[in-house]
Amino acid sequence: MRCRNCRRRRRAEDIQNVVYEIGRREPFLDPVKKGKDGRPGVSLDWFNMLYQVLLGQEKGPRFGSFVAVYGVPNAVAMIDGALARSAIVRDARLRYPRAN
């Protein structure tokens, strides 16, 4: 019996592993948690930050599954847009600091 969604599930798992590996760095490294491979885990703050920046909420679907369904090019465009907006806000704050 063939699994119709096996390729999509595998792709989602691969994407999830990449996102997890990226998050496995300071400040998101969680030495108390352990990953499936026994290495230090990733803080939920990493995923909360991703969802907050990209979707405007702290919780969401499993990120690898989201990207697999939404499409890698669309997800990359969403990330690029979020980074561009962040850079615009940062630059505006540097140019026009609020008077305290």
Protein backbone atom coordinates (compact mmCIF):
# COMPACT_ATOMS: atom_id res chain seq x y z
CA MET A 1 0.00 0.00 0.00
CA ARG A 2 1.39 3.37 -1.03
CA CYS A 3 1.17 6.40 1.15
CA ARG A 4 -0.06 9.38 -0.88
CA ASN A 5 1.29 11.92 1.57
CA CYS A 6 4.58 10.20 2.43
CA ARG A 7 6.66 12.53 0.26
CA ARG A 8 4.99 15.62 1.74
CA ARG A 9 5.39 14.27 5.27
CA ARG A 10 9.04 13.45 4.64
CA ARG A 11 9.62 16.90 3.19
CA ALA A 12 7.88 18.52 6.19
CA GLU A 13 10.08 16.49 8.53
CA ASP A 14 13.22 17.54 6.63
CA ILE A 15 12.18 21.20 6.82
CA GLN A 16 11.39 20.85 10.52
CA ASN A 17 14.83 19.35 11.12
CA VAL A 18 16.53 22.29 9.37
CA VAL A 19 14.51 24.85 11.35
CA TYR A 20 15.25 22.94 14.54
CA GLU A 21 18.97 22.85 13.72
CA ILE A 22 19.03 26.60 13.07
CA GLY A 23 17.36 27.18 16.43
CA ARG A 24 19.91 24.98 18.16
CA ARG A 25 22.12 28.00 18.84
CA GLU A 26 22.33 30.63 21.53
CA PRO A 27 20.12 32.20 22.74
CA PHE A 28 17.62 29.46 21.84
CA LEU A 29 19.69 26.44 22.86
CA ASP A 30 18.08 24.60 25.77
CA PRO A 31 20.60 22.29 27.46
CA VAL A 32 17.93 20.95 29.80
CA LYS A 33 15.83 19.64 26.91
CA LYS A 34 17.21 16.87 24.77
CA GLY A 35 16.61 16.45 21.06
CA LYS A 36 15.78 13.11 19.47
CA ASP A 37 19.49 12.67 18.80
CA GLY A 38 20.39 13.28 22.47
CA ARG A 39 21.93 16.68 21.76
CA PRO A 40 20.70 19.79 23.58
CA GLY A 41 17.22 20.83 22.53
CA VAL A 42 15.68 24.06 21.33
CA SER A 43 13.72 26.45 23.50
CA LEU A 44 10.09 27.00 22.57
CA ASP A 45 11.04 30.68 22.43
CA TRP A 46 12.67 29.95 19.05
CA PHE A 47 9.43 28.73 17.53
CA ASN A 48 7.36 31.38 19.34
CA MET A 49 9.63 34.05 17.84
CA LEU A 50 9.26 32.58 14.35
CA TYR A 51 5.48 32.56 14.57
CA GLN A 52 5.35 36.03 16.11
CA VAL A 53 7.49 37.54 13.35
CA LEU A 54 5.87 35.68 10.47
CA LEU A 55 2.26 35.22 11.57
CA GLY A 56 1.78 37.77 14.33
CA GLN A 57 1.01 35.08 16.92
CA GLU A 58 3.09 32.98 19.29
CA LYS A 59 1.64 29.60 18.40
CA GLY A 60 1.08 27.88 15.12
CA PRO A 61 1.26 24.61 13.28
CA ARG A 62 4.43 22.56 13.22
CA PHE A 63 6.73 24.84 11.26
CA GLY A 64 8.02 22.20 8.85
CA SER A 65 4.47 21.17 7.98
CA PHE A 66 3.46 24.80 7.50
CA VAL A 67 6.32 25.41 5.05
CA ALA A 68 5.70 22.15 3.20
CA VAL A 69 2.04 23.06 2.64
CA TYR A 70 2.55 26.80 2.09
CA GLY A 71 5.50 26.16 -0.22
CA VAL A 72 9.17 26.88 0.30
CA PRO A 73 9.23 29.85 -2.14
CA ASN A 74 6.20 31.42 -0.42
CA ALA A 75 7.70 30.85 3.03
CA VAL A 76 11.01 32.37 1.92
CA ALA A 77 9.14 35.40 0.53
CA MET A 78 7.27 35.71 3.84
CA ILE A 79 10.55 35.58 5.79
CA ASP A 80 12.20 38.10 3.44
CA GLY A 81 9.23 40.44 3.88
CA ALA A 82 9.37 40.14 7.65
CA LEU A 83 13.11 40.85 7.64
CA ALA A 84 12.64 43.85 5.35
CA ARG A 85 9.90 45.27 7.59
CA SER A 86 12.13 44.71 10.61
CA ALA A 87 15.01 46.54 8.91
CA ILE A 88 12.75 49.47 8.01
CA VAL A 89 11.53 49.75 11.60
CA ARG A 90 15.07 49.46 12.96
CA ASP A 91 16.37 52.12 10.58
CA ALA A 92 13.50 54.46 11.43
CA ARG A 93 14.20 54.05 15.14
CA LEU A 94 17.88 54.84 14.59
CA ARG A 95 17.11 57.93 12.51
CA TYR A 96 14.30 59.24 14.65
CA PRO A 97 14.91 58.20 18.26
CA ARG A 98 12.16 59.12 20.67
CA ALA A 99 12.93 61.89 23.07
CA ASN A 100 12.95 60.59 26.63
